[in-house]
Amino acid sequence: MAAEEGQVVSCHTLDAWNEQLQKGNDSKKLMVIDFTASWCGPCRFIAPFLAELAKKLPNVIFVKVDVDELKSVAQDWAVEAMPTFMFLKEGKIVDKVVGAKKDELQQTIAKHVADDMLVWHIVKIPYSCGRGFKEYAIRDKAEVTQ
């Protein structure tokens, strides 16, 4: 199963889950994992919103895991309530949102996507006496060119 840009990819098997997790690790993109259940009302409520975010944010990987289909995955990730959203970068959990909270979900994604757009620059500022420079490391938005 290939992760499609602009879509929420559902993982129904351990192999599919492991494949998506590896793709997320390799891509270095933000990965949003939606732990859900078919019987969960709030999960059904948030699903169209998540699909819309996936369309708007092709540089973010969205994956859905049904906790009843993949119980071992839900246990490994200590999922206790649905929906639970885990945010990963390079295989590491960087954030978590529990519940169908549209604003918090959107803000958390924005926070981590914004981090990707920042780069370190070394700036040399001359001393006021005119003898030499002091170097400062600053973070600023990257100029993205394609």
Protein backbone atom coordinates (compact mmCIF):
# COMPACT_ATOMS: atom_id res chain seq x y z
CA MET A 1 0.00 0.00 0.00
CA ALA A 2 1.56 3.31 -1.05
CA ALA A 3 1.08 6.50 0.88
CA GLU A 4 -0.76 8.84 -1.44
CA GLU A 5 -0.21 12.57 -1.13
CA GLY A 6 -3.38 14.35 -0.17
CA GLN A 7 -5.05 11.27 1.32
CA VAL A 8 -5.43 9.55 4.67
CA VAL A 9 -3.97 6.06 4.22
CA SER A 10 -5.75 3.33 6.19
CA CYS A 11 -3.61 0.48 7.51
CA HIS A 12 -5.53 -2.78 7.87
CA THR A 13 -2.57 -5.16 8.39
CA LEU A 14 0.66 -5.14 10.36
CA ASP A 15 2.61 -5.24 7.09
CA ALA A 16 0.79 -2.15 5.81
CA TRP A 17 1.37 -0.38 9.14
CA ASN A 18 5.09 -1.20 9.16
CA GLU A 19 5.41 -0.09 5.53
CA GLN A 20 3.76 3.29 6.23
CA LEU A 21 5.81 3.80 9.38
CA GLN A 22 9.01 3.14 7.43
CA LYS A 23 7.96 5.52 4.64
CA GLY A 24 7.26 8.20 7.21
CA ASN A 25 10.66 7.67 8.81
CA ASP A 26 12.45 7.77 5.46
CA SER A 27 10.62 10.84 4.16
CA LYS A 28 11.43 13.03 7.19
CA LYS A 29 7.96 14.57 6.76
CA LEU A 30 5.59 15.12 9.64
CA MET A 31 3.47 12.00 10.06
CA VAL A 32 0.03 12.20 11.69
CA ILE A 33 -1.33 8.87 12.91
CA ASP A 34 -5.05 8.71 13.66
CA PHE A 35 -5.88 5.88 16.06
CA THR A 36 -9.59 5.35 15.53
CA ALA A 37 -12.42 2.83 15.89
CA SER A 38 -15.46 2.15 13.72
CA TRP A 39 -17.82 2.40 16.71
CA CYS A 40 -16.34 5.73 17.93
CA GLY A 41 -18.66 8.73 17.32
CA PRO A 42 -15.97 11.42 17.76
CA CYS A 43 -13.74 9.46 15.33
CA ARG A 44 -16.47 9.56 12.68
CA PHE A 45 -16.97 13.28 13.41
CA ILE A 46 -13.29 14.18 12.87
CA ALA A 47 -12.65 11.89 9.84
CA PRO A 48 -13.89 14.34 7.13
CA PHE A 49 -11.85 17.15 8.71
CA LEU A 50 -8.72 14.96 8.67
CA ALA A 51 -9.36 14.08 5.01
CA GLU A 52 -9.64 17.79 4.20
CA LEU A 53 -6.35 18.52 6.01
CA ALA A 54 -4.67 15.72 4.03
CA LYS A 55 -5.80 17.34 0.77
CA LYS A 56 -4.54 20.76 1.85
CA LEU A 57 -1.22 19.50 3.26
CA PRO A 58 0.43 17.10 0.80
CA ASN A 59 3.77 17.46 2.64
CA VAL A 60 2.27 15.80 5.72
CA ILE A 61 1.68 12.04 5.83
CA PHE A 62 -1.70 11.03 7.27
CA VAL A 63 -2.25 7.43 8.40
CA LYS A 64 -5.31 5.86 10.01
CA VAL A 65 -5.19 2.79 12.28
CA ASP A 66 -8.34 1.05 13.52
CA VAL A 67 -7.54 -0.04 17.09
CA ASP A 68 -9.81 -3.08 16.78
CA GLU A 69 -8.12 -4.29 13.58
CA LEU A 70 -4.58 -3.68 14.84
CA LYS A 71 -4.87 -4.18 18.60
CA SER A 72 -1.15 -4.87 19.04
CA VAL A 73 -0.26 -1.55 17.39
CA ALA A 74 -2.69 0.34 19.64
CA GLN A 75 -1.19 -1.41 22.69
CA ASP A 76 2.40 -0.73 21.57
CA TRP A 77 1.56 2.97 21.21
CA ALA A 78 -0.33 3.09 24.54
CA VAL A 79 -3.57 4.29 22.96
CA GLU A 80 -6.22 4.53 25.68
CA ALA A 81 -8.89 6.74 24.07
CA MET A 82 -10.15 7.44 20.60
CA PRO A 83 -9.42 9.32 18.58
CA THR A 84 -5.75 9.68 19.52
CA PHE A 85 -3.45 11.49 17.12
CA MET A 86 0.29 10.85 17.30
CA PHE A 87 2.69 13.19 15.51
CA LEU A 88 5.99 11.70 14.38
CA LYS A 89 9.13 13.02 12.78
CA GLU A 90 11.78 10.55 11.71
CA GLY A 91 10.14 7.84 13.80
CA LYS A 92 10.02 9.84 17.03
CA ILE A 93 6.84 11.04 18.73
CA VAL A 94 6.92 14.84 18.80
CA ASP A 95 3.33 15.50 19.93
CA LYS A 96 -0.01 13.92 20.79
CA VAL A 97 -3.65 15.07 20.71
CA VAL A 98 -6.40 13.02 22.37
CA GLY A 99 -9.97 13.69 21.28
CA ALA A 100 -11.76 15.14 18.25
CA LYS A 101 -10.34 18.63 18.78
CA LYS A 102 -10.19 20.32 15.37
CA ASP A 103 -8.42 23.49 16.53
CA GLU A 104 -5.79 21.66 18.57
CA LEU A 105 -5.18 19.20 15.76
CA GLN A 106 -4.74 21.99 13.23
CA GLN A 107 -2.50 24.04 15.55
CA THR A 108 -0.29 21.04 16.35
CA ILE A 109 0.19 20.26 12.66
CA ALA A 110 0.93 23.93 11.91
CA LYS A 111 3.49 24.08 14.72
CA HIS A 112 5.46 21.12 13.41
CA VAL A 113 5.19 22.07 9.74
CA ALA A 114 6.39 25.60 10.62
CA ASP A 115 9.44 24.07 12.35
CA ASP A 116 10.35 22.40 9.05
CA MET A 117 10.35 25.78 7.32
CA LEU A 118 12.93 27.25 9.70
CA VAL A 119 16.65 26.97 9.03
CA TRP A 120 19.73 28.02 10.93
CA HIS A 121 21.80 30.90 9.55
CA ILE A 122 25.14 32.18 10.80
CA VAL A 123 25.17 35.95 10.85
CA LYS A 124 28.37 37.96 11.30
CA ILE A 125 27.88 41.29 13.01
CA PRO A 126 30.85 43.65 13.17
CA TYR A 127 32.02 44.91 16.55
CA SER A 128 31.35 48.60 17.08
CA CYS A 129 35.08 49.27 17.30
CA GLY A 130 35.47 47.94 13.76
CA ARG A 131 37.83 45.13 14.75
CA GLY A 132 36.37 41.75 13.84
CA PHE A 133 32.98 40.14 13.90
CA LYS A 134 30.77 38.34 16.37
CA GLU A 135 28.92 35.33 14.96
CA TYR A 136 25.32 34.61 15.91
CA ALA A 137 23.23 31.60 14.99
CA ILE A 138 19.63 32.53 14.20
CA ARG A 139 16.62 30.61 12.92
CA ASP A 140 14.62 32.12 10.14
CA LYS A 141 12.16 31.02 7.48
CA ALA A 142 13.77 29.15 4.64
CA GLU A 143 13.54 30.42 1.10
CA VAL A 144 11.93 27.49 -0.67
CA THR A 145 12.69 27.26 -4.38
CA GLN A 146 11.84 24.45 -6.74
